[in-house]
């Protein structure tokens, strides 16, 4: 899940919420939407290999 921050950057969050905190885990902050999407693809690849 990618969200745009007020600073103009994009942050990648995990899909599942953390059981302890009830919030989504921060998976990185990126300057562009394309960079965030690329990293999301890398994370999904890593999860399945």
PDB file of N, CA and C in Angstrom:
ATOM      1  N   UNK A   1       0.848  -1.166   0.000  1.00  0.00           N
ATOM      2  CA  UNK A   1       0.000   0.000   0.000  1.00  0.00           C
ATOM      3  C   UNK A   1       0.900   1.238   0.000  1.00  0.00           C
ATOM      4  N   UNK A   2       0.686   2.108  -0.950  1.00  0.00           N
ATOM      5  CA  UNK A   2       1.503   3.319  -1.061  1.00  0.00           C
ATOM      6  C   UNK A   2       0.631   4.531  -0.732  1.00  0.00           C
ATOM      7  N   UNK A   3       1.137   5.381   0.119  1.00  0.00           N
ATOM      8  CA  UNK A   3       0.426   6.603   0.476  1.00  0.00           C
ATOM      9  C   UNK A   3       1.341   7.802   0.253  1.00  0.00           C
ATOM     10  N   UNK A   4       0.737   8.911  -0.166  1.00  0.00           N
ATOM     11  CA  UNK A   4       1.500  10.143  -0.362  1.00  0.00           C
ATOM     12  C   UNK A   4       1.500  10.928   0.944  1.00  0.00           C
ATOM     13  N   UNK A   5       2.694  11.364   1.362  1.00  0.00           N
ATOM     14  CA  UNK A   5       2.833  12.127   2.593  1.00  0.00           C
ATOM     15  C   UNK A   5       2.689  13.618   2.300  1.00  0.00           C
ATOM     16  N   UNK A   6       2.480  14.404   3.351  1.00  0.00           N
ATOM     17  CA  UNK A   6       2.358  15.850   3.173  1.00  0.00           C
ATOM     18  C   UNK A   6       3.641  16.457   2.621  1.00  0.00           C
ATOM     19  N   UNK A   7       4.764  15.828   2.897  1.00  0.00           N
ATOM     20  CA  UNK A   7       6.055  16.331   2.411  1.00  0.00           C
ATOM     21  C   UNK A   7       6.224  16.122   0.910  1.00  0.00           C
ATOM     22  N   UNK A   8       5.308  15.365   0.295  1.00  0.00           N
ATOM     23  CA  UNK A   8       5.399  15.092  -1.134  1.00  0.00           C
ATOM     24  C   UNK A   8       6.051  13.766  -1.449  1.00  0.00           C
ATOM     25  N   UNK A   9       6.579  13.089  -0.433  1.00  0.00           N
ATOM     26  CA  UNK A   9       7.201  11.786  -0.640  1.00  0.00           C
ATOM     27  C   UNK A   9       6.132  10.702  -0.567  1.00  0.00           C
ATOM     28  N   UNK A  10       6.512   9.508  -0.972  1.00  0.00           N
ATOM     29  CA  UNK A  10       5.598   8.367  -0.965  1.00  0.00           C
ATOM     30  C   UNK A  10       6.125   7.323   0.007  1.00  0.00           C
ATOM     31  N   UNK A  11       5.224   6.744   0.792  1.00  0.00           N
ATOM     32  CA  UNK A  11       5.628   5.744   1.772  1.00  0.00           C
ATOM     33  C   UNK A  11       4.923   4.435   1.475  1.00  0.00           C
ATOM     34  N   UNK A  12       5.702   3.369   1.538  1.00  0.00           N
ATOM     35  CA  UNK A  12       5.203   2.019   1.303  1.00  0.00           C
ATOM     36  C   UNK A  12       4.884   1.379   2.650  1.00  0.00           C
ATOM     37  N   UNK A  13       3.638   0.927   2.805  1.00  0.00           N
ATOM     38  CA  UNK A  13       3.198   0.264   4.034  1.00  0.00           C
ATOM     39  C   UNK A  13       2.869  -1.185   3.730  1.00  0.00           C
ATOM     40  N   UNK A  14       2.974  -2.034   4.759  1.00  0.00           N
ATOM     41  CA  UNK A  14       2.580  -3.427   4.593  1.00  0.00           C
ATOM     42  C   UNK A  14       1.057  -3.493   4.475  1.00  0.00           C
ATOM     43  N   UNK A  15       0.575  -4.557   3.858  1.00  0.00           N
ATOM     44  CA  UNK A  15      -0.865  -4.712   3.671  1.00  0.00           C
ATOM     45  C   UNK A  15      -1.525  -5.096   4.993  1.00  0.00           C
ATOM     46  N   UNK A  16      -0.885  -6.013   5.722  1.00  0.00           N
ATOM     47  CA  UNK A  16      -1.444  -6.462   6.998  1.00  0.00           C
ATOM     48  C   UNK A  16      -1.090  -5.494   8.117  1.00  0.00           C
ATOM     49  N   UNK A  17      -2.001  -5.362   9.076  1.00  0.00           N
ATOM     50  CA  UNK A  17      -1.730  -4.529  10.242  1.00  0.00           C
ATOM     51  C   UNK A  17      -0.940  -5.330  11.267  1.00  0.00           C
ATOM     52  N   UNK A  18      -0.073  -4.651  11.998  1.00  0.00           N
ATOM     53  CA  UNK A  18       0.699  -5.284  13.064  1.00  0.00           C
ATOM     54  C   UNK A  18      -0.243  -5.613  14.214  1.00  0.00           C
ATOM     55  N   UNK A  19      -0.198  -6.832  14.714  1.00  0.00           N
ATOM     56  CA  UNK A  19      -1.100  -7.258  15.785  1.00  0.00           C
ATOM     57  C   UNK A  19      -0.864  -6.487  17.077  1.00  0.00           C
ATOM     58  N   UNK A  20       0.398  -6.157  17.361  1.00  0.00           N
ATOM     59  CA  UNK A  20       0.717  -5.465  18.615  1.00  0.00           C
ATOM     60  C   UNK A  20       0.245  -4.018  18.607  1.00  0.00           C
ATOM     61  N   UNK A  21       0.569  -3.298  17.544  1.00  0.00           N
ATOM     62  CA  UNK A  21       0.295  -1.854  17.518  1.00  0.00           C
ATOM     63  C   UNK A  21      -1.007  -1.504  16.818  1.00  0.00           C
ATOM     64  N   UNK A  22      -1.487  -2.375  15.935  1.00  0.00           N
ATOM     65  CA  UNK A  22      -2.692  -2.082  15.178  1.00  0.00           C
ATOM     66  C   UNK A  22      -2.439  -1.157  14.002  1.00  0.00           C
ATOM     67  N   UNK A  23      -1.164  -0.873  13.713  1.00  0.00           N
ATOM     68  CA  UNK A  23      -0.805   0.001  12.595  1.00  0.00           C
ATOM     69  C   UNK A  23      -0.067  -0.801  11.538  1.00  0.00           C
ATOM     70  N   UNK A  24       0.038  -0.219  10.351  1.00  0.00           N
ATOM     71  CA  UNK A  24       0.752  -0.887   9.269  1.00  0.00           C
ATOM     72  C   UNK A  24       2.242  -0.607   9.374  1.00  0.00           C
ATOM     73  N   UNK A  25       3.043  -1.586   8.963  1.00  0.00           N
ATOM     74  CA  UNK A  25       4.493  -1.456   9.060  1.00  0.00           C
ATOM     75  C   UNK A  25       5.034  -0.600   7.926  1.00  0.00           C
ATOM     76  N   UNK A  26       5.943   0.314   8.245  1.00  0.00           N
ATOM     77  CA  UNK A  26       6.574   1.171   7.250  1.00  0.00           C
ATOM     78  C   UNK A  26       7.648   0.363   6.522  1.00  0.00           C
ATOM     79  N   UNK A  27       7.520   0.256   5.201  1.00  0.00           N
ATOM     80  CA  UNK A  27       8.483  -0.508   4.405  1.00  0.00           C
ATOM     81  C   UNK A  27       9.393   0.397   3.591  1.00  0.00           C
ATOM     82  N   UNK A  28       9.370   1.692   3.862  1.00  0.00           N
ATOM     83  CA  UNK A  28      10.285   2.592   3.173  1.00  0.00           C
ATOM     84  C   UNK A  28       9.597   3.836   2.662  1.00  0.00           C
ATOM     85  N   UNK A  29      10.377   4.912   2.534  1.00  0.00           N
ATOM     86  CA  UNK A  29       9.896   6.190   2.028  1.00  0.00           C
ATOM     87  C   UNK A  29      10.701   6.546   0.781  1.00  0.00           C
ATOM     88  N   UNK A  30       9.996   6.992  -0.253  1.00  0.00           N
ATOM     89  CA  UNK A  30      10.623   7.231  -1.549  1.00  0.00           C
ATOM     90  C   UNK A  30      10.216   8.590  -2.095  1.00  0.00           C
ATOM     91  N   UNK A  31      11.102   9.190  -2.902  1.00  0.00           N
ATOM     92  CA  UNK A  31      10.839  10.526  -3.449  1.00  0.00           C
ATOM     93  C   UNK A  31       9.802  10.492  -4.569  1.00  0.00           C
ATOM     94  N   UNK A  32       9.751   9.398  -5.332  1.00  0.00           N
ATOM     95  CA  UNK A  32       8.812   9.323  -6.449  1.00  0.00           C
ATOM     96  C   UNK A  32       7.895   8.114  -6.302  1.00  0.00           C
ATOM     97  N   UNK A  33       6.729   8.210  -6.941  1.00  0.00           N
ATOM     98  CA  UNK A  33       5.774   7.115  -6.933  1.00  0.00           C
ATOM     99  C   UNK A  33       6.339   5.904  -7.663  1.00  0.00           C
ATOM    100  N   UNK A  34       7.078   6.149  -8.732  1.00  0.00           N
ATOM    101  CA  UNK A  34       7.663   5.044  -9.508  1.00  0.00           C
ATOM    102  C   UNK A  34       8.657   4.253  -8.663  1.00  0.00           C
ATOM    103  N   UNK A  35       9.449   4.957  -7.850  1.00  0.00           N
ATOM    104  CA  UNK A  35      10.422   4.279  -6.985  1.00  0.00           C
ATOM    105  C   UNK A  35       9.703   3.436  -5.942  1.00  0.00           C
ATOM    106  N   UNK A  36       8.599   3.950  -5.415  1.00  0.00           N
ATOM    107  CA  UNK A  36       7.830   3.200  -4.415  1.00  0.00           C
ATOM    108  C   UNK A  36       7.211   1.957  -5.047  1.00  0.00           C
ATOM    109  N   UNK A  37       6.686   2.082  -6.262  1.00  0.00           N
ATOM    110  CA  UNK A  37       6.096   0.926  -6.950  1.00  0.00           C
ATOM    111  C   UNK A  37       7.156  -0.120  -7.260  1.00  0.00           C
ATOM    112  N   UNK A  38       8.336   0.334  -7.664  1.00  0.00           N
ATOM    113  CA  UNK A  38       9.432  -0.595  -7.951  1.00  0.00           C
ATOM    114  C   UNK A  38       9.814  -1.379  -6.709  1.00  0.00           C
ATOM    115  N   UNK A  39       9.917  -0.695  -5.580  1.00  0.00           N
ATOM    116  CA  UNK A  39      10.288  -1.376  -4.348  1.00  0.00           C
ATOM    117  C   UNK A  39       9.189  -2.340  -3.908  1.00  0.00           C
ATOM    118  N   UNK A  40       7.928  -1.982  -4.135  1.00  0.00           N
ATOM    119  CA  UNK A  40       6.824  -2.876  -3.799  1.00  0.00           C
ATOM    120  C   UNK A  40       6.927  -4.165  -4.608  1.00  0.00           C
ATOM    121  N   UNK A  41       7.281  -4.046  -5.886  1.00  0.00           N
ATOM    122  CA  UNK A  41       7.478  -5.245  -6.720  1.00  0.00           C
ATOM    123  C   UNK A  41       8.626  -6.088  -6.184  1.00  0.00           C
ATOM    124  N   UNK A  42       9.716  -5.436  -5.759  1.00  0.00           N
ATOM    125  CA  UNK A  42      10.860  -6.170  -5.206  1.00  0.00           C
ATOM    126  C   UNK A  42      10.475  -6.914  -3.935  1.00  0.00           C
ATOM    127  N   UNK A  43       9.674  -6.286  -3.091  1.00  0.00           N
ATOM    128  CA  UNK A  43       9.227  -6.920  -1.850  1.00  0.00           C
ATOM    129  C   UNK A  43       8.366  -8.143  -2.160  1.00  0.00           C
ATOM    130  N   UNK A  44       7.431  -8.000  -3.119  1.00  0.00           N
ATOM    131  CA  UNK A  44       6.563  -9.129  -3.469  1.00  0.00           C
ATOM    132  C   UNK A  44       7.378 -10.276  -4.062  1.00  0.00           C
ATOM    133  N   UNK A  45       8.384  -9.972  -4.877  1.00  0.00           N
ATOM    134  CA  UNK A  45       9.255 -11.008  -5.438  1.00  0.00           C
ATOM    135  C   UNK A  45       9.994 -11.730  -4.331  1.00  0.00           C
ATOM    136  N   UNK A  46      10.538 -10.965  -3.386  1.00  0.00           N
ATOM    137  CA  UNK A  46      11.314 -11.557  -2.295  1.00  0.00           C
ATOM    138  C   UNK A  46      10.452 -12.459  -1.423  1.00  0.00           C
ATOM    139  N   UNK A  47       9.194 -12.081  -1.203  1.00  0.00           N
ATOM    140  CA  UNK A  47       8.299 -12.869  -0.362  1.00  0.00           C
ATOM    141  C   UNK A  47       8.016 -14.237  -0.954  1.00  0.00           C
ATOM    142  N   UNK A  48       8.083 -14.347  -2.282  1.00  0.00           N
ATOM    143  CA  UNK A  48       7.688 -15.595  -2.947  1.00  0.00           C
ATOM    144  C   UNK A  48       8.872 -16.416  -3.437  1.00  0.00           C
ATOM    145  N   UNK A  49      10.106 -15.985  -3.157  1.00  0.00           N
ATOM    146  CA  UNK A  49      11.281 -16.744  -3.600  1.00  0.00           C
ATOM    147  C   UNK A  49      12.258 -16.951  -2.460  1.00  0.00           C
TER     148      UNK A  49
END
